[in-house]
Amino acid sequence: MRTGNHFKNKIISLKERLKELRIYSLSHSCNFQKRRTKKIDPLNLILSFYNCNLNGSFSLSGWAFHLSQLINKPISKQAIFERVDADFINLCRELLNRSFNSKRTVNKFMKKFSNVYIQDSTCIHLPSSLYEFYQGNKTYTGNHSVAKIQVIYNLMKNTFEELMVTSFTRNDQAASADILQYISAGDLIVRDLGYFVLRSLKEILKKGAHFICPLRKDVHLFFPHNNQLIDLKKLLKNKKYLKQTVLLGKEEKVPVTLFAIKLDRKTASYRQKYAIQDRDRRKKLTIEKLHLLGWDVFVSSCADLEPQVIQDIYKIRWHIEIVFKSWKSHLKLEKNIPKRLNRPFIPEAIIYLTLLLTVLFIMPVYRLAIKTFKGISLIKTTRFIVGLMPRSDWTLSQVQLNNSRRLITYETRNRANFTDKVAFLT
């Protein structure tokens, strides 16, 4: 039995977290294991995937090599190919679902709202041969296969409430109602323009929750006292800020507060230039829309806040973009998907296992580091885990965390880091 300092001081172990999810009994219920395992068991198969995927370019031969090293038995790439099937994908999906039901500790970082949710999505480009399973966009070069990961992230707990892998053809508007099952009174939802659906905003208000999102330019605005249509360009004339109670939509008449902040000339000119150069002919650019590009315009149910505060809160949404960057840059979510495939199981395994690693290991380490040190960077934490954990049996010790302080914290700069930007919500 090992009793070294490394194991006495261990605080997070990926093996133990997978066992807490009852991985072996779950593998039987998913038909991945139908009898006693001789060589390839689910725990070692998953751990060897992480060792292979994070140590270089992914391949079935590399996966087989790392599994052979782990169990001290020869494994062929054909054996890996045959075991990564629909049953293994179901196992990965169920492990991910169970990981969301585990107990979580609440970080009392923001006192104004009960929870702060960020809803967003990211796309993963797949080989065109998988178009039948994950339909993407169509261009003159042919059909493209694209998977979309829908994310609901709880900023207060630093946890994921939902990670759903869908086809690209299920757009963000179709996913706008997914968050309704998680929210309650006093919660705040921050999301971008893609999720702007009036019916969804109405349901959020019914639950007593709050939202902040950009205004869709083609939505009609009305004054609440006389139902008169609002000319937004005229309303913003000679102003730098605007806070106005309005009704959204011709039929829905959703009561919200309109917030507008005028941008500096450089930012406004960049937005307008980009819009003019946009080749998408479906976007009809009018003089009014061009003028509104010089403004940040939001709708929210937080009537007690000021426009500048609403703008600052919305900037927090970029935290999820940092999460996406850590997936694609350091966890190599998109890069390591093989280019020639005729069935979807390998890319699905890469996606689900990467998301599972994020929930079970990376985010717990990140939450622990936040409690231990100040100014923790998620991207640097992910890079630290990728570099160290495959050589440390996926077990993090207190000594390793203490020694990694300089590796996972922001550099000292004049500009505020992410932790500083959300501090005002305390």
Protein backbone atom coordinates (compact mmCIF):
# COMPACT_ATOMS: atom_id res chain seq x y z
CA MET A 1 0.00 0.00 0.00
CA ARG A 2 1.35 3.42 -0.95
CA THR A 3 1.64 5.86 1.93
CA GLY A 4 3.86 8.59 0.48
CA ASN A 5 3.24 12.27 1.14
CA HIS A 6 1.71 12.66 -2.31
CA PHE A 7 -1.09 10.23 -1.44
CA LYS A 8 -1.51 11.45 2.14
CA ASN A 9 -2.09 14.99 0.87
CA LYS A 10 -4.26 14.17 -2.11
CA ILE A 11 -7.35 16.35 -2.35
CA ILE A 12 -8.83 15.58 -5.78
CA SER A 13 -8.61 12.23 -7.56
CA LEU A 14 -10.22 11.61 -10.94
CA LYS A 15 -10.33 7.85 -10.28
CA GLU A 16 -12.25 8.32 -7.06
CA ARG A 17 -14.65 10.77 -8.65
CA LEU A 18 -15.44 8.30 -11.43
CA LYS A 19 -15.96 5.55 -8.84
CA GLU A 20 -18.29 7.84 -6.87
CA LEU A 21 -20.47 7.94 -9.97
CA ARG A 22 -20.63 4.10 -9.77
CA ILE A 23 -18.98 3.72 -13.13
CA TYR A 24 -18.91 -0.09 -13.03
CA SER A 25 -22.59 -0.59 -12.22
CA LEU A 26 -23.46 2.09 -14.76
CA SER A 27 -21.40 0.29 -17.42
CA HIS A 28 -23.54 -2.83 -16.85
CA SER A 29 -26.81 -0.89 -17.08
CA CYS A 30 -25.61 0.72 -20.34
CA ASN A 31 -24.64 -2.73 -21.72
CA PHE A 32 -21.02 -1.67 -22.08
CA GLN A 33 -20.05 -4.53 -19.75
CA LYS A 34 -22.11 -7.67 -20.16
CA ARG A 35 -19.78 -10.04 -18.29
CA ARG A 36 -16.68 -9.94 -16.13
CA THR A 37 -13.99 -7.78 -17.73
CA LYS A 38 -10.81 -9.49 -18.87
CA LYS A 39 -8.85 -6.59 -20.34
CA ILE A 40 -10.72 -3.41 -21.16
CA ASP A 41 -12.69 -2.05 -18.20
CA PRO A 42 -14.46 1.34 -18.41
CA LEU A 43 -12.34 3.14 -15.79
CA ASN A 44 -8.98 2.36 -17.40
CA LEU A 45 -10.40 2.98 -20.87
CA ILE A 46 -11.41 6.52 -19.88
CA LEU A 47 -8.18 7.29 -17.99
CA SER A 48 -6.05 6.05 -20.89
CA PHE A 49 -8.06 8.29 -23.24
CA TYR A 50 -7.10 11.34 -21.18
CA ASN A 51 -3.44 10.28 -21.13
CA CYS A 52 -3.49 9.91 -24.92
CA ASN A 53 -5.59 12.94 -25.78
CA LEU A 54 -3.62 15.40 -23.64
CA ASN A 55 -0.14 14.11 -24.47
CA GLY A 56 -0.20 14.88 -28.18
CA SER A 57 -2.30 14.21 -31.26
CA PHE A 58 -5.11 11.72 -30.75
CA SER A 59 -5.23 8.37 -32.54
CA LEU A 60 -6.64 4.92 -31.85
CA SER A 61 -3.09 3.54 -31.86
CA GLY A 62 -2.08 6.07 -29.23
CA TRP A 63 -5.15 5.27 -27.14
CA ALA A 64 -4.33 1.55 -27.34
CA PHE A 65 -0.69 2.25 -26.36
CA HIS A 66 -1.65 4.23 -23.24
CA LEU A 67 -4.21 1.61 -22.21
CA SER A 68 -1.57 -1.10 -22.64
CA GLN A 69 0.81 0.89 -20.43
CA LEU A 70 -1.90 1.32 -17.82
CA ILE A 71 -2.95 -2.33 -17.47
CA ASN A 72 0.36 -3.97 -18.51
CA LYS A 73 -1.35 -5.99 -21.22
CA PRO A 74 -1.16 -5.63 -25.01
CA ILE A 75 -4.19 -3.88 -26.55
CA SER A 76 -4.71 -3.34 -30.28
CA LYS A 77 -6.26 -0.29 -31.90
CA GLN A 78 -8.90 -2.59 -33.40
CA ALA A 79 -9.95 -3.56 -29.88
CA ILE A 80 -10.37 0.11 -28.99
CA PHE A 81 -12.32 0.72 -32.20
CA GLU A 82 -14.74 -2.10 -31.39
CA ARG A 83 -15.25 -1.04 -27.75
CA VAL A 84 -16.01 2.60 -28.61
CA ASP A 85 -19.55 1.95 -29.76
CA ALA A 86 -23.07 3.19 -29.02
CA ASP A 87 -23.02 1.55 -25.56
CA PHE A 88 -19.80 3.36 -24.63
CA ILE A 89 -21.30 6.68 -25.77
CA ASN A 90 -24.36 6.01 -23.59
CA LEU A 91 -22.02 5.32 -20.67
CA CYS A 92 -20.17 8.61 -21.22
CA ARG A 93 -23.44 10.50 -21.52
CA GLU A 94 -24.84 8.96 -18.31
CA LEU A 95 -21.62 9.70 -16.42
CA LEU A 96 -21.89 13.33 -17.51
CA ASN A 97 -25.55 13.47 -16.42
CA ARG A 98 -24.75 11.93 -13.03
CA SER A 99 -21.92 14.39 -12.46
CA PHE A 100 -24.50 17.23 -12.50
CA ASN A 101 -26.49 15.58 -9.70
CA SER A 102 -23.59 15.45 -7.24
CA LYS A 103 -23.56 17.72 -4.19
CA ARG A 104 -22.16 21.19 -4.77
CA THR A 105 -21.02 23.91 -2.43
CA VAL A 106 -22.38 27.42 -2.87
CA ASN A 107 -19.91 30.23 -3.32
CA LYS A 108 -21.44 33.36 -1.76
CA PHE A 109 -19.68 35.63 -4.22
CA MET A 110 -22.66 37.60 -5.43
CA LYS A 111 -25.27 38.73 -2.95
CA LYS A 112 -27.72 40.58 -5.14
CA PHE A 113 -28.88 37.47 -7.04
CA SER A 114 -29.55 33.93 -5.84
CA ASN A 115 -27.74 32.47 -8.87
CA VAL A 116 -26.16 33.94 -11.99
CA TYR A 117 -26.52 31.76 -15.09
CA ILE A 118 -24.68 32.21 -18.38
CA GLN A 119 -26.29 30.47 -21.35
CA ASP A 120 -24.22 30.10 -24.51
CA SER A 121 -23.08 27.60 -27.12
CA THR A 122 -20.02 26.66 -29.12
CA CYS A 123 -19.62 24.71 -32.37
CA ILE A 124 -17.34 21.76 -33.04
CA HIS A 125 -16.46 21.07 -36.68
CA LEU A 126 -16.57 17.39 -37.59
CA PRO A 127 -15.56 15.46 -40.71
CA SER A 128 -18.02 15.97 -43.57
CA SER A 129 -18.62 12.22 -43.67
CA LEU A 130 -20.62 12.59 -40.42
CA TYR A 131 -23.15 14.99 -41.98
CA GLU A 132 -25.85 12.33 -41.66
CA PHE A 133 -25.47 12.38 -37.85
CA TYR A 134 -24.59 16.04 -37.20
CA GLN A 135 -25.94 18.32 -39.91
CA GLY A 136 -24.20 21.66 -40.34
CA ASN A 137 -24.21 24.45 -42.87
CA LYS A 138 -24.28 24.01 -46.64
CA THR A 139 -21.94 25.95 -48.92
CA TYR A 140 -20.78 25.75 -52.52
CA THR A 141 -18.02 23.39 -51.34
CA GLY A 142 -20.57 20.86 -50.05
CA ASN A 143 -22.29 19.82 -46.84
CA HIS A 144 -20.45 20.37 -43.55
CA SER A 145 -20.88 18.40 -40.34
CA VAL A 146 -21.03 20.52 -37.18
CA ALA A 147 -21.95 19.63 -33.60
CA LYS A 148 -23.15 22.28 -31.17
CA ILE A 149 -22.59 22.19 -27.40
CA GLN A 150 -25.29 24.04 -25.47
CA VAL A 151 -24.00 25.27 -22.11
CA ILE A 152 -25.74 26.56 -18.99
CA TYR A 153 -23.08 27.73 -16.54
CA ASN A 154 -23.71 28.79 -12.93
CA LEU A 155 -21.25 31.59 -12.28
CA MET A 156 -21.86 31.65 -8.52
CA LYS A 157 -21.04 27.98 -8.02
CA ASN A 158 -18.58 27.72 -10.94
CA THR A 159 -20.44 24.63 -12.12
CA PHE A 160 -22.24 23.49 -15.26
CA GLU A 161 -25.97 22.96 -14.93
CA GLU A 162 -26.21 21.55 -18.46
CA LEU A 163 -23.92 20.42 -21.26
CA MET A 164 -25.93 19.19 -24.23
CA VAL A 165 -24.46 18.01 -27.55
CA THR A 166 -26.83 18.63 -30.46
CA SER A 167 -26.73 19.13 -34.20
CA PHE A 168 -25.88 22.58 -35.57
CA THR A 169 -29.37 22.79 -37.04
CA ARG A 170 -30.87 23.18 -33.53
CA ASN A 171 -30.18 26.87 -33.14
CA ASP A 172 -29.92 28.99 -30.00
CA GLN A 173 -33.50 30.24 -30.25
CA ALA A 174 -34.74 26.65 -30.06
CA ALA A 175 -32.57 26.18 -26.95
CA SER A 176 -33.71 29.41 -25.24
CA ALA A 177 -36.28 27.58 -23.11
CA ASP A 178 -33.81 24.95 -21.86
CA ILE A 179 -32.84 27.13 -18.92
CA LEU A 180 -36.37 27.37 -17.51
CA GLN A 181 -36.07 24.06 -15.64
CA TYR A 182 -33.09 25.34 -13.62
CA ILE A 183 -34.08 28.86 -12.59
CA SER A 184 -36.09 30.13 -9.64
CA ALA A 185 -37.05 33.47 -8.13
CA GLY A 186 -34.10 35.83 -7.63
CA ASP A 187 -31.85 34.24 -10.27
CA LEU A 188 -30.18 36.20 -13.07
CA ILE A 189 -29.72 34.97 -16.65
CA VAL A 190 -27.14 36.56 -18.93
CA ARG A 191 -27.13 35.47 -22.57
CA ASP A 192 -26.47 36.86 -26.02
CA LEU A 193 -28.71 37.90 -28.90
CA GLY A 194 -29.08 34.37 -30.27
CA TYR A 195 -31.38 33.41 -27.37
CA PHE A 196 -33.69 36.42 -27.75
CA VAL A 197 -37.19 34.89 -27.78
CA LEU A 198 -40.06 36.94 -26.33
CA ARG A 199 -41.98 33.87 -25.19
CA SER A 200 -38.92 32.68 -23.24
CA LEU A 201 -38.45 36.12 -21.62
CA LYS A 202 -42.08 36.03 -20.52
CA GLU A 203 -41.60 32.63 -18.85
CA ILE A 204 -38.50 33.89 -17.02
CA LEU A 205 -40.51 36.80 -15.59
CA LYS A 206 -43.28 34.40 -14.48
CA LYS A 207 -40.72 32.50 -12.39
CA GLY A 208 -39.62 35.70 -10.69
CA ALA A 209 -36.13 35.52 -12.22
CA HIS A 210 -34.18 38.30 -13.95
CA PHE A 211 -32.44 38.53 -17.32
CA ILE A 212 -30.03 40.74 -19.22
CA CYS A 213 -29.72 40.43 -22.99
CA PRO A 214 -29.09 42.68 -26.01
CA LEU A 215 -32.08 44.10 -27.83
CA ARG A 216 -32.94 42.54 -31.17
CA LYS A 217 -33.18 45.44 -33.60
CA ASP A 218 -36.34 44.25 -35.39
CA VAL A 219 -38.46 44.02 -32.22
CA HIS A 220 -41.06 46.75 -31.75
CA LEU A 221 -40.93 48.87 -28.59
CA PHE A 222 -43.94 50.62 -27.03
CA PHE A 223 -44.43 53.14 -24.24
CA PRO A 224 -46.33 51.43 -21.40
CA HIS A 225 -48.67 54.34 -20.61
CA ASN A 226 -50.15 54.82 -24.09
CA ASN A 227 -48.94 51.83 -26.20
CA GLN A 228 -47.36 54.27 -28.68
CA LEU A 229 -44.62 52.86 -30.93
CA ILE A 230 -41.15 54.09 -29.94
CA ASP A 231 -38.73 55.57 -32.46
CA LEU A 232 -35.51 54.42 -30.79
CA LYS A 233 -33.23 56.58 -32.91
CA LYS A 234 -35.23 59.66 -31.97
CA LEU A 235 -35.34 58.63 -28.31
CA LEU A 236 -31.53 58.30 -28.15
CA LYS A 237 -30.85 61.66 -29.81
CA ASN A 238 -28.48 63.95 -27.86
CA LYS A 239 -28.09 61.36 -25.05
CA LYS A 240 -25.16 59.34 -23.72
CA TYR A 241 -27.21 57.00 -21.53
CA LEU A 242 -30.83 55.94 -21.50
CA LYS A 243 -33.00 54.05 -19.01
CA GLN A 244 -36.62 53.66 -20.10
CA THR A 245 -39.49 51.32 -19.18
CA VAL A 246 -40.92 49.78 -22.37
CA LEU A 247 -43.09 46.97 -23.70
CA LEU A 248 -41.52 44.42 -26.07
CA GLY A 249 -43.34 43.01 -29.08
CA LYS A 250 -46.55 43.81 -30.95
CA GLU A 251 -48.52 40.97 -29.37
CA GLU A 252 -46.48 39.80 -26.37
CA LYS A 253 -46.03 43.28 -24.77
CA VAL A 254 -43.36 42.02 -22.34
CA PRO A 255 -42.66 44.69 -19.67
CA VAL A 256 -38.91 45.36 -19.42
CA THR A 257 -36.45 48.19 -18.84
CA LEU A 258 -34.46 49.43 -21.82
CA PHE A 259 -30.84 50.38 -21.14
CA ALA A 260 -28.66 52.15 -23.74
CA ILE A 261 -25.04 53.26 -23.48
CA LYS A 262 -23.37 55.26 -26.25
CA LEU A 263 -20.06 53.78 -27.43
CA ASP A 264 -16.88 55.69 -28.12
CA ARG A 265 -16.30 56.74 -31.73
CA LYS A 266 -13.60 54.12 -32.41
CA THR A 267 -15.73 51.18 -31.26
CA ALA A 268 -18.81 52.47 -33.08
CA SER A 269 -16.87 52.95 -36.35
CA TYR A 270 -15.47 49.42 -36.11
CA ARG A 271 -18.93 47.90 -35.64
CA GLN A 272 -20.42 49.90 -38.51
CA LYS A 273 -17.55 49.02 -40.85
CA TYR A 274 -17.86 45.34 -40.00
CA ALA A 275 -21.63 45.42 -40.62
CA ILE A 276 -21.20 47.09 -44.03
CA GLN A 277 -18.63 44.47 -45.09
CA ASP A 278 -20.84 41.56 -43.96
CA ARG A 279 -21.58 39.36 -46.97
CA ASP A 280 -24.76 37.88 -45.49
CA ARG A 281 -27.46 39.27 -47.79
CA ARG A 282 -30.21 38.28 -45.35
CA LYS A 283 -29.14 41.11 -43.07
CA LYS A 284 -30.80 44.24 -44.43
CA LEU A 285 -28.74 47.14 -43.16
CA THR A 286 -30.80 50.31 -42.77
CA ILE A 287 -29.67 53.79 -41.69
CA GLU A 288 -31.40 53.28 -38.34
CA LYS A 289 -29.66 49.95 -37.71
CA LEU A 290 -26.33 51.49 -38.68
CA HIS A 291 -26.92 54.29 -36.18
CA LEU A 292 -27.82 51.84 -33.39
CA LEU A 293 -24.51 50.03 -33.90
CA GLY A 294 -22.97 52.98 -32.09
CA TRP A 295 -24.86 51.99 -28.95
CA ASP A 296 -24.96 49.08 -26.49
CA VAL A 297 -28.69 48.47 -26.09
CA PHE A 298 -29.97 45.96 -23.55
CA VAL A 299 -33.33 44.87 -22.18
CA SER A 300 -33.58 43.64 -18.61
CA SER A 301 -35.95 43.07 -15.74
CA CYS A 302 -33.44 44.67 -13.31
CA ALA A 303 -35.12 48.07 -13.17
CA ASP A 304 -33.15 49.16 -10.09
CA LEU A 305 -29.76 49.03 -11.85
CA GLU A 306 -28.06 51.75 -13.88
CA PRO A 307 -27.04 51.42 -17.58
CA GLN A 308 -23.30 51.26 -16.83
CA VAL A 309 -23.87 48.44 -14.31
CA ILE A 310 -25.98 46.49 -16.82
CA GLN A 311 -23.18 46.86 -19.38
CA ASP A 312 -20.58 45.62 -16.88
CA ILE A 313 -22.71 42.63 -15.87
CA TYR A 314 -23.17 41.65 -19.51
CA LYS A 315 -19.40 41.61 -19.97
CA ILE A 316 -19.29 38.71 -17.50
CA ARG A 317 -20.77 36.56 -20.27
CA TRP A 318 -17.30 36.49 -21.82
CA HIS A 319 -16.25 34.13 -19.04
CA ILE A 320 -17.95 31.30 -20.91
CA GLU A 321 -15.87 32.19 -23.98
CA ILE A 322 -12.79 31.60 -21.82
CA VAL A 323 -14.20 28.18 -20.92
CA PHE A 324 -14.69 27.39 -24.62
CA LYS A 325 -11.15 28.54 -25.38
CA SER A 326 -9.75 26.25 -22.68
CA TRP A 327 -11.63 23.31 -24.23
CA LYS A 328 -10.37 23.95 -27.75
CA SER A 329 -6.84 25.22 -27.02
CA HIS A 330 -5.61 23.11 -24.09
CA LEU A 331 -8.00 20.13 -24.05
CA LYS A 332 -7.79 19.97 -27.87
CA LEU A 333 -11.51 19.27 -28.18
CA GLU A 334 -11.72 20.05 -31.91
CA LYS A 335 -8.14 19.54 -33.03
CA ASN A 336 -7.87 15.86 -32.03
CA ILE A 337 -11.00 14.66 -33.83
CA PRO A 338 -9.81 12.43 -36.71
CA LYS A 339 -10.54 13.77 -40.18
CA ARG A 340 -11.61 10.50 -41.78
CA LEU A 341 -14.53 8.80 -40.05
CA ASN A 342 -17.60 6.95 -41.20
CA ARG A 343 -19.37 6.62 -37.85
CA PRO A 344 -19.94 9.18 -35.08
CA PHE A 345 -18.76 7.23 -32.02
CA ILE A 346 -15.13 8.44 -31.93
CA PRO A 347 -15.91 12.21 -32.09
CA GLU A 348 -18.82 11.73 -29.66
CA ALA A 349 -16.47 9.97 -27.23
CA ILE A 350 -13.92 12.80 -27.52
CA ILE A 351 -16.59 15.45 -26.89
CA TYR A 352 -18.34 13.72 -23.96
CA LEU A 353 -15.11 12.65 -22.23
CA THR A 354 -13.67 16.16 -22.57
CA LEU A 355 -16.82 17.63 -21.01
CA LEU A 356 -16.71 14.97 -18.28
CA LEU A 357 -13.10 15.88 -17.45
CA THR A 358 -14.14 19.52 -17.20
CA VAL A 359 -16.96 18.78 -14.74
CA LEU A 360 -15.25 16.13 -12.61
CA PHE A 361 -11.70 17.48 -12.38
CA ILE A 362 -10.89 20.84 -13.96
CA MET A 363 -13.74 22.84 -12.40
CA PRO A 364 -13.28 21.30 -8.89
CA VAL A 365 -9.57 22.21 -9.07
CA TYR A 366 -10.51 25.69 -10.27
CA ARG A 367 -13.03 26.16 -7.42
CA LEU A 368 -10.50 24.93 -4.87
CA ALA A 369 -7.82 27.25 -6.27
CA ILE A 370 -10.21 30.22 -6.02
CA LYS A 371 -10.71 29.46 -2.32
CA THR A 372 -6.95 29.09 -1.77
CA PHE A 373 -5.50 31.95 -3.84
CA LYS A 374 -6.60 35.22 -5.42
CA GLY A 375 -6.69 36.03 -9.13
CA ILE A 376 -7.01 32.49 -10.51
CA SER A 377 -7.07 32.09 -14.31
CA LEU A 378 -9.19 29.25 -15.72
CA ILE A 379 -7.08 28.94 -18.87
CA LYS A 380 -3.85 28.73 -16.86
CA THR A 381 -5.44 26.20 -14.49
CA THR A 382 -6.44 24.03 -17.45
CA ARG A 383 -2.94 24.27 -18.92
CA PHE A 384 -1.45 23.28 -15.55
CA ILE A 385 -3.73 20.22 -15.30
CA VAL A 386 -2.97 19.14 -18.87
CA GLY A 387 0.77 19.37 -18.25
CA LEU A 388 0.93 17.69 -14.85
CA MET A 389 -1.96 15.31 -14.24
CA PRO A 390 -1.21 12.59 -16.84
CA ARG A 391 2.14 12.10 -15.04
CA SER A 392 0.56 12.23 -11.57
CA ASP A 393 -2.00 9.43 -11.94
CA TRP A 394 -4.77 12.08 -12.12
CA THR A 395 -4.39 12.81 -8.41
CA LEU A 396 -3.82 16.37 -7.23
CA SER A 397 -2.07 16.90 -3.88
CA GLN A 398 -2.14 19.94 -1.65
CA VAL A 399 1.61 20.34 -2.19
CA GLN A 400 1.15 20.42 -5.98
CA LEU A 401 -1.61 23.02 -5.69
CA ASN A 402 0.50 25.22 -3.38
CA ASN A 403 3.52 24.97 -5.70
CA SER A 404 1.40 25.86 -8.73
CA ARG A 405 0.31 29.27 -7.47
CA ARG A 406 2.39 31.29 -9.93
CA LEU A 407 1.39 29.01 -12.79
CA ILE A 408 -2.38 29.43 -12.39
CA THR A 409 -2.79 33.08 -11.34
CA TYR A 410 -3.16 36.18 -13.49
CA GLU A 411 -0.13 38.34 -14.06
CA THR A 412 -0.07 41.65 -12.20
CA ARG A 413 -1.32 44.33 -14.60
CA ASN A 414 -3.00 47.70 -14.47
CA ARG A 415 -6.18 46.43 -16.12
CA ALA A 416 -8.70 44.41 -14.09
CA ASN A 417 -8.84 40.62 -14.49
CA PHE A 418 -12.05 38.60 -14.56
CA THR A 419 -12.22 38.21 -10.76
CA ASP A 420 -11.97 41.96 -10.33
CA LYS A 421 -14.69 42.62 -12.93
CA VAL A 422 -17.34 40.63 -11.06
CA ALA A 423 -16.37 41.86 -7.60
CA PHE A 424 -18.83 44.77 -7.82
CA LEU A 425 -21.73 42.30 -7.61
CA THR A 426 -20.80 41.48 -4.01
